[in-house]
Every structure is written in structure tokens, then in C-alpha cells.
Amino acid sequence: MAQITIYLADELENRARKAAKAAGKSVSGWIADQVVRQLDDTWPKGVLEAAGAVPDFPEVAELRRGYGPDTRREEME
């Protein structure tokens, strides 16, 4: 496992230490988790579980039915 040295402002270090303690992790482990979260390119588990939760979600045209025509926008100069 690689080691990296980072420099944090004192206030940021204090906040990171408090967050790590609240999560029950070492500061190093907490920061590593934050890096993983930022670099992970998949959807969060909750979003994936919600996909398809509304089986017959209406199409855009159906959602907009009854609203009438859009108002004409002002011309931009």
C-alpha cells in the first residue's frame, strides 16, 4: 500500500479528525474512503436500487398535457 503526505490547514485537519472519529476510523482510513468516493464512477447504491422503482412513469408529452403552449420568450439583445 502506498503512503502519501498531504498538508492541511489547521482548521481542516481538526474537521477531518472529528469526522474520522465520528465514523470510527483513523484519519488515514477516513481520508482514503473520501478519495475512493470521489474517484468511484458508479452510481451510489441507493440510486441503483431506485432505478425502475416507478414502473409506469409517464412520458414527457403526457406530463405536459394540459399545460397549453409555452409563452413566447423575450428577444435577447
PDB file of N, CA and C in Angstrom:
ATOM      1  N   MET A   1       0.854  -1.166   0.000  1.00  0.00           N
ATOM      2  CA  MET A   1       0.000   0.000   0.000  1.00  0.00           C
ATOM      3  C   MET A   1       0.905   1.235   0.000  1.00  0.00           C
ATOM      4  N   ALA A   2       0.557   2.215  -0.808  1.00  0.00           N
ATOM      5  CA  ALA A   2       1.349   3.436  -0.926  1.00  0.00           C
ATOM      6  C   ALA A   2       1.071   4.386   0.230  1.00  0.00           C
ATOM      7  N   GLN A   3       2.041   5.224   0.506  1.00  0.00           N
ATOM      8  CA  GLN A   3       1.868   6.275   1.502  1.00  0.00           C
ATOM      9  C   GLN A   3       1.977   7.620   0.804  1.00  0.00           C
ATOM     10  N   ILE A   4       1.128   8.553   1.204  1.00  0.00           N
ATOM     11  CA  ILE A   4       1.114   9.899   0.625  1.00  0.00           C
ATOM     12  C   ILE A   4       1.115  10.893   1.776  1.00  0.00           C
ATOM     13  N   THR A   5       1.913  11.931   1.631  1.00  0.00           N
ATOM     14  CA  THR A   5       1.913  13.002   2.621  1.00  0.00           C
ATOM     15  C   THR A   5       1.078  14.152   2.076  1.00  0.00           C
ATOM     16  N   ILE A   6       0.141  14.640   2.876  1.00  0.00           N
ATOM     17  CA  ILE A   6      -0.666  15.793   2.467  1.00  0.00           C
ATOM     18  C   ILE A   6      -0.535  16.879   3.527  1.00  0.00           C
ATOM     19  N   TYR A   7      -0.766  18.087   3.122  1.00  0.00           N
ATOM     20  CA  TYR A   7      -0.708  19.218   4.036  1.00  0.00           C
ATOM     21  C   TYR A   7      -2.090  19.854   4.099  1.00  0.00           C
ATOM     22  N   LEU A   8      -2.592  20.021   5.308  1.00  0.00           N
ATOM     23  CA  LEU A   8      -3.916  20.600   5.520  1.00  0.00           C
ATOM     24  C   LEU A   8      -3.795  21.811   6.427  1.00  0.00           C
ATOM     25  N   ALA A   9      -4.630  22.792   6.191  1.00  0.00           N
ATOM     26  CA  ALA A   9      -4.731  23.914   7.119  1.00  0.00           C
ATOM     27  C   ALA A   9      -5.189  23.357   8.460  1.00  0.00           C
ATOM     28  N   ASP A  10      -4.793  24.019   9.545  1.00  0.00           N
ATOM     29  CA  ASP A  10      -5.113  23.518  10.887  1.00  0.00           C
ATOM     30  C   ASP A  10      -6.601  23.258  11.074  1.00  0.00           C
ATOM     31  N   GLU A  11      -7.437  24.180  10.644  1.00  0.00           N
ATOM     32  CA  GLU A  11      -8.890  24.015  10.817  1.00  0.00           C
ATOM     33  C   GLU A  11      -9.399  22.812  10.027  1.00  0.00           C
ATOM     34  N   LEU A  12      -8.884  22.610   8.829  1.00  0.00           N
ATOM     35  CA  LEU A  12      -9.304  21.470   8.018  1.00  0.00           C
ATOM     36  C   LEU A  12      -8.850  20.163   8.659  1.00  0.00           C
ATOM     37  N   GLU A  13      -7.664  20.159   9.206  1.00  0.00           N
ATOM     38  CA  GLU A  13      -7.189  18.966   9.911  1.00  0.00           C
ATOM     39  C   GLU A  13      -8.101  18.642  11.091  1.00  0.00           C
ATOM     40  N   ASN A  14      -8.458  19.661  11.865  1.00  0.00           N
ATOM     41  CA  ASN A  14      -9.354  19.439  13.009  1.00  0.00           C
ATOM     42  C   ASN A  14     -10.689  18.866  12.563  1.00  0.00           C
ATOM     43  N   ARG A  15     -11.230  19.397  11.480  1.00  0.00           N
ATOM     44  CA  ARG A  15     -12.519  18.895  10.972  1.00  0.00           C
ATOM     45  C   ARG A  15     -12.389  17.454  10.483  1.00  0.00           C
ATOM     46  N   ALA A  16     -11.268  17.144   9.810  1.00  0.00           N
ATOM     47  CA  ALA A  16     -11.046  15.781   9.325  1.00  0.00           C
ATOM     48  C   ALA A  16     -10.911  14.811  10.500  1.00  0.00           C
ATOM     49  N   ARG A  17     -10.198  15.216  11.537  1.00  0.00           N
ATOM     50  CA  ARG A  17     -10.045  14.355  12.718  1.00  0.00           C
ATOM     51  C   ARG A  17     -11.399  14.086  13.390  1.00  0.00           C
ATOM     52  N   LYS A  18     -12.228  15.117  13.508  1.00  0.00           N
ATOM     53  CA  LYS A  18     -13.550  14.947  14.106  1.00  0.00           C
ATOM     54  C   LYS A  18     -14.423  14.030  13.262  1.00  0.00           C
ATOM     55  N   ALA A  19     -14.370  14.211  11.942  1.00  0.00           N
ATOM     56  CA  ALA A  19     -15.175  13.369  11.052  1.00  0.00           C
ATOM     57  C   ALA A  19     -14.709  11.920  11.126  1.00  0.00           C
ATOM     58  N   ALA A  20     -13.401  11.709  11.172  1.00  0.00           N
ATOM     59  CA  ALA A  20     -12.859  10.349  11.269  1.00  0.00           C
ATOM     60  C   ALA A  20     -13.285   9.701  12.582  1.00  0.00           C
ATOM     61  N   LYS A  21     -13.194  10.460  13.658  1.00  0.00           N
ATOM     62  CA  LYS A  21     -13.586   9.922  14.965  1.00  0.00           C
ATOM     63  C   LYS A  21     -15.070   9.559  14.979  1.00  0.00           C
ATOM     64  N   ALA A  22     -15.905  10.434  14.407  1.00  0.00           N
ATOM     65  CA  ALA A  22     -17.349  10.172  14.351  1.00  0.00           C
ATOM     66  C   ALA A  22     -17.653   8.923  13.529  1.00  0.00           C
ATOM     67  N   ALA A  23     -16.818   8.659  12.516  1.00  0.00           N
ATOM     68  CA  ALA A  23     -17.019   7.481  11.669  1.00  0.00           C
ATOM     69  C   ALA A  23     -16.361   6.240  12.258  1.00  0.00           C
ATOM     70  N   GLY A  24     -15.624   6.415  13.379  1.00  0.00           N
ATOM     71  CA  GLY A  24     -14.953   5.275  13.998  1.00  0.00           C
ATOM     72  C   GLY A  24     -13.764   4.793  13.194  1.00  0.00           C
ATOM     73  N   LYS A  25     -13.100   5.714  12.505  1.00  0.00           N
ATOM     74  CA  LYS A  25     -11.964   5.356  11.647  1.00  0.00           C
ATOM     75  C   LYS A  25     -10.750   6.174  12.017  1.00  0.00           C
ATOM     76  N   SER A  26      -9.600   5.710  11.563  1.00  0.00           N
ATOM     77  CA  SER A  26      -8.392   6.522  11.688  1.00  0.00           C
ATOM     78  C   SER A  26      -8.506   7.661  10.678  1.00  0.00           C
ATOM     79  N   VAL A  27      -7.738   8.708  10.882  1.00  0.00           N
ATOM     80  CA  VAL A  27      -7.755   9.819   9.926  1.00  0.00           C
ATOM     81  C   VAL A  27      -7.321   9.313   8.555  1.00  0.00           C
ATOM     82  N   SER A  28      -6.286   8.487   8.523  1.00  0.00           N
ATOM     83  CA  SER A  28      -5.809   7.931   7.256  1.00  0.00           C
ATOM     84  C   SER A  28      -6.899   7.121   6.553  1.00  0.00           C
ATOM     85  N   GLY A  29      -7.587   6.269   7.309  1.00  0.00           N
ATOM     86  CA  GLY A  29      -8.656   5.460   6.720  1.00  0.00           C
ATOM     87  C   GLY A  29      -9.814   6.306   6.239  1.00  0.00           C
ATOM     88  N   TRP A  30     -10.155   7.344   7.010  1.00  0.00           N
ATOM     89  CA  TRP A  30     -11.255   8.229   6.619  1.00  0.00           C
ATOM     90  C   TRP A  30     -10.914   8.975   5.328  1.00  0.00           C
ATOM     91  N   ILE A  31      -9.682   9.501   5.243  1.00  0.00           N
ATOM     92  CA  ILE A  31      -9.265  10.210   4.021  1.00  0.00           C
ATOM     93  C   ILE A  31      -9.238   9.257   2.839  1.00  0.00           C
ATOM     94  N   ALA A  32      -8.753   8.031   3.042  1.00  0.00           N
ATOM     95  CA  ALA A  32      -8.739   7.044   1.961  1.00  0.00           C
ATOM     96  C   ALA A  32     -10.159   6.778   1.458  1.00  0.00           C
ATOM     97  N   ASP A  33     -11.116   6.675   2.382  1.00  0.00           N
ATOM     98  CA  ASP A  33     -12.519   6.480   1.988  1.00  0.00           C
ATOM     99  C   ASP A  33     -13.026   7.654   1.155  1.00  0.00           C
ATOM    100  N   GLN A  34     -12.646   8.865   1.540  1.00  0.00           N
ATOM    101  CA  GLN A  34     -13.080  10.050   0.794  1.00  0.00           C
ATOM    102  C   GLN A  34     -12.507  10.043  -0.620  1.00  0.00           C
ATOM    103  N   VAL A  35     -11.272   9.619  -0.762  1.00  0.00           N
ATOM    104  CA  VAL A  35     -10.644   9.534  -2.093  1.00  0.00           C
ATOM    105  C   VAL A  35     -11.379   8.508  -2.941  1.00  0.00           C
ATOM    106  N   VAL A  36     -11.667   7.360  -2.358  1.00  0.00           N
ATOM    107  CA  VAL A  36     -12.402   6.315  -3.099  1.00  0.00           C
ATOM    108  C   VAL A  36     -13.752   6.853  -3.555  1.00  0.00           C
ATOM    109  N   ARG A  37     -14.465   7.533  -2.668  1.00  0.00           N
ATOM    110  CA  ARG A  37     -15.786   8.077  -3.017  1.00  0.00           C
ATOM    111  C   ARG A  37     -15.684   9.083  -4.157  1.00  0.00           C
ATOM    112  N   GLN A  38     -14.651   9.897  -4.154  1.00  0.00           N
ATOM    113  CA  GLN A  38     -14.508  10.906  -5.199  1.00  0.00           C
ATOM    114  C   GLN A  38     -14.103  10.299  -6.534  1.00  0.00           C
ATOM    115  N   LEU A  39     -13.356   9.210  -6.507  1.00  0.00           N
ATOM    116  CA  LEU A  39     -12.860   8.610  -7.745  1.00  0.00           C
ATOM    117  C   LEU A  39     -13.774   7.525  -8.292  1.00  0.00           C
ATOM    118  N   ASP A  40     -14.689   7.049  -7.480  1.00  0.00           N
ATOM    119  CA  ASP A  40     -15.601   5.994  -7.920  1.00  0.00           C
ATOM    120  C   ASP A  40     -16.561   6.570  -8.940  1.00  0.00           C
ATOM    121  N   ASP A  41     -16.667   5.931 -10.092  1.00  0.00           N
ATOM    122  CA  ASP A  41     -17.516   6.473 -11.154  1.00  0.00           C
ATOM    123  C   ASP A  41     -18.822   5.707 -11.321  1.00  0.00           C
ATOM    124  N   THR A  42     -19.253   5.047 -10.266  1.00  0.00           N
ATOM    125  CA  THR A  42     -20.536   4.345 -10.340  1.00  0.00           C
ATOM    126  C   THR A  42     -21.582   5.127  -9.552  1.00  0.00           C
ATOM    127  N   TRP A  43     -22.821   4.843  -9.832  1.00  0.00           N
ATOM    128  CA  TRP A  43     -23.911   5.477  -9.108  1.00  0.00           C
ATOM    129  C   TRP A  43     -23.934   4.945  -7.689  1.00  0.00           C
ATOM    130  N   PRO A  44     -24.335   5.770  -6.709  1.00  0.00           N
ATOM    131  CA  PRO A  44     -24.483   5.274  -5.344  1.00  0.00           C
ATOM    132  C   PRO A  44     -25.513   4.145  -5.277  1.00  0.00           C
ATOM    133  N   LYS A  45     -25.350   3.249  -4.312  1.00  0.00           N
ATOM    134  CA  LYS A  45     -26.227   2.088  -4.174  1.00  0.00           C
ATOM    135  C   LYS A  45     -27.698   2.481  -4.127  1.00  0.00           C
ATOM    136  N   GLY A  46     -28.034   3.548  -3.398  1.00  0.00           N
ATOM    137  CA  GLY A  46     -29.424   3.985  -3.282  1.00  0.00           C
ATOM    138  C   GLY A  46     -30.028   4.381  -4.621  1.00  0.00           C
ATOM    139  N   VAL A  47     -29.229   5.002  -5.470  1.00  0.00           N
ATOM    140  CA  VAL A  47     -29.720   5.400  -6.795  1.00  0.00           C
ATOM    141  C   VAL A  47     -29.971   4.159  -7.642  1.00  0.00           C
ATOM    142  N   LEU A  48     -29.039   3.216  -7.592  1.00  0.00           N
ATOM    143  CA  LEU A  48     -29.215   1.988  -8.371  1.00  0.00           C
ATOM    144  C   LEU A  48     -30.440   1.210  -7.912  1.00  0.00           C
ATOM    145  N   GLU A  49     -30.687   1.201  -6.606  1.00  0.00           N
ATOM    146  CA  GLU A  49     -31.861   0.493  -6.089  1.00  0.00           C
ATOM    147  C   GLU A  49     -33.155   1.194  -6.481  1.00  0.00           C
ATOM    148  N   ALA A  50     -33.105   2.519  -6.643  1.00  0.00           N
ATOM    149  CA  ALA A  50     -34.310   3.278  -7.005  1.00  0.00           C
ATOM    150  C   ALA A  50     -34.642   3.163  -8.487  1.00  0.00           C
ATOM    151  N   ALA A  51     -33.657   2.809  -9.302  1.00  0.00           N
ATOM    152  CA  ALA A  51     -33.893   2.701 -10.744  1.00  0.00           C
ATOM    153  C   ALA A  51     -35.003   1.703 -11.019  1.00  0.00           C
ATOM    154  N   GLY A  52     -35.997   2.146 -11.745  1.00  0.00           N
ATOM    155  CA  GLY A  52     -37.122   1.278 -12.087  1.00  0.00           C
ATOM    156  C   GLY A  52     -38.155   1.149 -10.985  1.00  0.00           C
ATOM    157  N   ALA A  53     -38.016   1.921  -9.910  1.00  0.00           N
ATOM    158  CA  ALA A  53     -38.957   1.822  -8.796  1.00  0.00           C
ATOM    159  C   ALA A  53     -40.340   2.328  -9.172  1.00  0.00           C
ATOM    160  N   VAL A  54     -40.437   3.188 -10.176  1.00  0.00           N
ATOM    161  CA  VAL A  54     -41.729   3.679 -10.666  1.00  0.00           C
ATOM    162  C   VAL A  54     -41.947   2.983 -12.010  1.00  0.00           C
ATOM    163  N   PRO A  55     -42.694   1.888 -12.005  1.00  0.00           N
ATOM    164  CA  PRO A  55     -42.782   1.030 -13.196  1.00  0.00           C
ATOM    165  C   PRO A  55     -43.376   1.689 -14.442  1.00  0.00           C
ATOM    166  N   ASP A  56     -44.374   2.523 -14.302  1.00  0.00           N
ATOM    167  CA  ASP A  56     -45.026   3.096 -15.470  1.00  0.00           C
ATOM    168  C   ASP A  56     -44.945   4.609 -15.452  1.00  0.00           C
ATOM    169  N   PHE A  57     -43.734   5.145 -15.267  1.00  0.00           N
ATOM    170  CA  PHE A  57     -43.562   6.591 -15.217  1.00  0.00           C
ATOM    171  C   PHE A  57     -43.946   7.169 -16.566  1.00  0.00           C
ATOM    172  N   PRO A  58     -44.774   8.215 -16.589  1.00  0.00           N
ATOM    173  CA  PRO A  58     -45.268   8.754 -17.864  1.00  0.00           C
ATOM    174  C   PRO A  58     -44.175   9.442 -18.688  1.00  0.00           C
ATOM    175  N   GLU A  59     -44.409   9.486 -19.989  1.00  0.00           N
ATOM    176  CA  GLU A  59     -43.500  10.172 -20.909  1.00  0.00           C
ATOM    177  C   GLU A  59     -43.674  11.682 -20.757  1.00  0.00           C
ATOM    178  N   VAL A  60     -42.721  12.450 -21.274  1.00  0.00           N
ATOM    179  CA  VAL A  60     -42.734  13.908 -21.151  1.00  0.00           C
ATOM    180  C   VAL A  60     -44.019  14.503 -21.716  1.00  0.00           C
ATOM    181  N   ALA A  61     -44.448  14.047 -22.880  1.00  0.00           N
ATOM    182  CA  ALA A  61     -45.649  14.594 -23.502  1.00  0.00           C
ATOM    183  C   ALA A  61     -46.863  14.414 -22.584  1.00  0.00           C
ATOM    184  N   GLU A  62     -46.948  13.276 -21.937  1.00  0.00           N
ATOM    185  CA  GLU A  62     -48.068  13.028 -21.034  1.00  0.00           C
ATOM    186  C   GLU A  62     -47.992  13.928 -19.796  1.00  0.00           C
ATOM    187  N   LEU A  63     -46.779  14.145 -19.285  1.00  0.00           N
ATOM    188  CA  LEU A  63     -46.609  15.020 -18.123  1.00  0.00           C
ATOM    189  C   LEU A  63     -47.008  16.462 -18.442  1.00  0.00           C
ATOM    190  N   ARG A  64     -46.735  16.889 -19.663  1.00  0.00           N
ATOM    191  CA  ARG A  64     -47.006  18.280 -20.054  1.00  0.00           C
ATOM    192  C   ARG A  64     -48.409  18.496 -20.589  1.00  0.00           C
ATOM    193  N   ARG A  65     -49.175  17.439 -20.772  1.00  0.00           N
ATOM    194  CA  ARG A  65     -50.517  17.560 -21.311  1.00  0.00           C
ATOM    195  C   ARG A  65     -51.349  18.461 -20.408  1.00  0.00           C
ATOM    196  N   GLY A  66     -52.078  19.391 -21.019  1.00  0.00           N
ATOM    197  CA  GLY A  66     -52.943  20.261 -20.261  1.00  0.00           C
ATOM    198  C   GLY A  66     -52.306  21.574 -19.841  1.00  0.00           C
ATOM    199  N   TYR A  67     -51.018  21.731 -20.073  1.00  0.00           N
ATOM    200  CA  TYR A  67     -50.354  22.973 -19.696  1.00  0.00           C
ATOM    201  C   TYR A  67     -50.526  24.064 -20.747  1.00  0.00           C
ATOM    202  N   GLY A  68     -50.886  23.720 -21.962  1.00  0.00           N
ATOM    203  CA  GLY A  68     -51.030  24.704 -23.024  1.00  0.00           C
ATOM    204  C   GLY A  68     -49.677  25.046 -23.641  1.00  0.00           C
ATOM    205  N   PRO A  69     -49.713  25.934 -24.635  1.00  0.00           N
ATOM    206  CA  PRO A  69     -48.459  26.272 -25.314  1.00  0.00           C
ATOM    207  C   PRO A  69     -47.546  27.108 -24.418  1.00  0.00           C
ATOM    208  N   ASP A  70     -46.258  27.025 -24.692  1.00  0.00           N
ATOM    209  CA  ASP A  70     -45.289  27.824 -23.947  1.00  0.00           C
ATOM    210  C   ASP A  70     -45.470  29.301 -24.263  1.00  0.00           C
ATOM    211  N   THR A  71     -45.144  30.142 -23.318  1.00  0.00           N
ATOM    212  CA  THR A  71     -45.182  31.586 -23.524  1.00  0.00           C
ATOM    213  C   THR A  71     -43.987  31.990 -24.365  1.00  0.00           C
ATOM    214  N   ARG A  72     -44.212  32.926 -25.285  1.00  0.00           N
ATOM    215  CA  ARG A  72     -43.122  33.379 -26.141  1.00  0.00           C
ATOM    216  C   ARG A  72     -42.102  34.126 -25.287  1.00  0.00           C
ATOM    217  N   ARG A  73     -40.841  33.836 -25.486  1.00  0.00           N
ATOM    218  CA  ARG A  73     -39.781  34.493 -24.724  1.00  0.00           C
ATOM    219  C   ARG A  73     -39.416  35.815 -25.350  1.00  0.00           C
ATOM    220  N   GLU A  74     -38.903  36.692 -24.503  1.00  0.00           N
ATOM    221  CA  GLU A  74     -38.435  37.972 -24.998  1.00  0.00           C
ATOM    222  C   GLU A  74     -37.167  37.774 -25.811  1.00  0.00           C
ATOM    223  N   GLU A  75     -36.988  38.619 -26.805  1.00  0.00           N
ATOM    224  CA  GLU A  75     -35.765  38.550 -27.611  1.00  0.00           C
ATOM    225  C   GLU A  75     -34.592  39.098 -26.800  1.00  0.00           C
ATOM    226  N   MET A  76     -33.460  38.491 -26.947  1.00  0.00           N
ATOM    227  CA  MET A  76     -32.258  38.993 -26.272  1.00  0.00           C
ATOM    228  C   MET A  76     -31.541  39.957 -27.218  1.00  0.00           C
ATOM    229  N   GLU A  77     -31.000  40.999 -26.650  1.00  0.00           N
ATOM    230  CA  GLU A  77     -30.298  41.990 -27.474  1.00  0.00           C
ATOM    231  C   GLU A  77     -28.882  41.581 -27.721  1.00  0.00           C
TER     232      GLU A  77
END
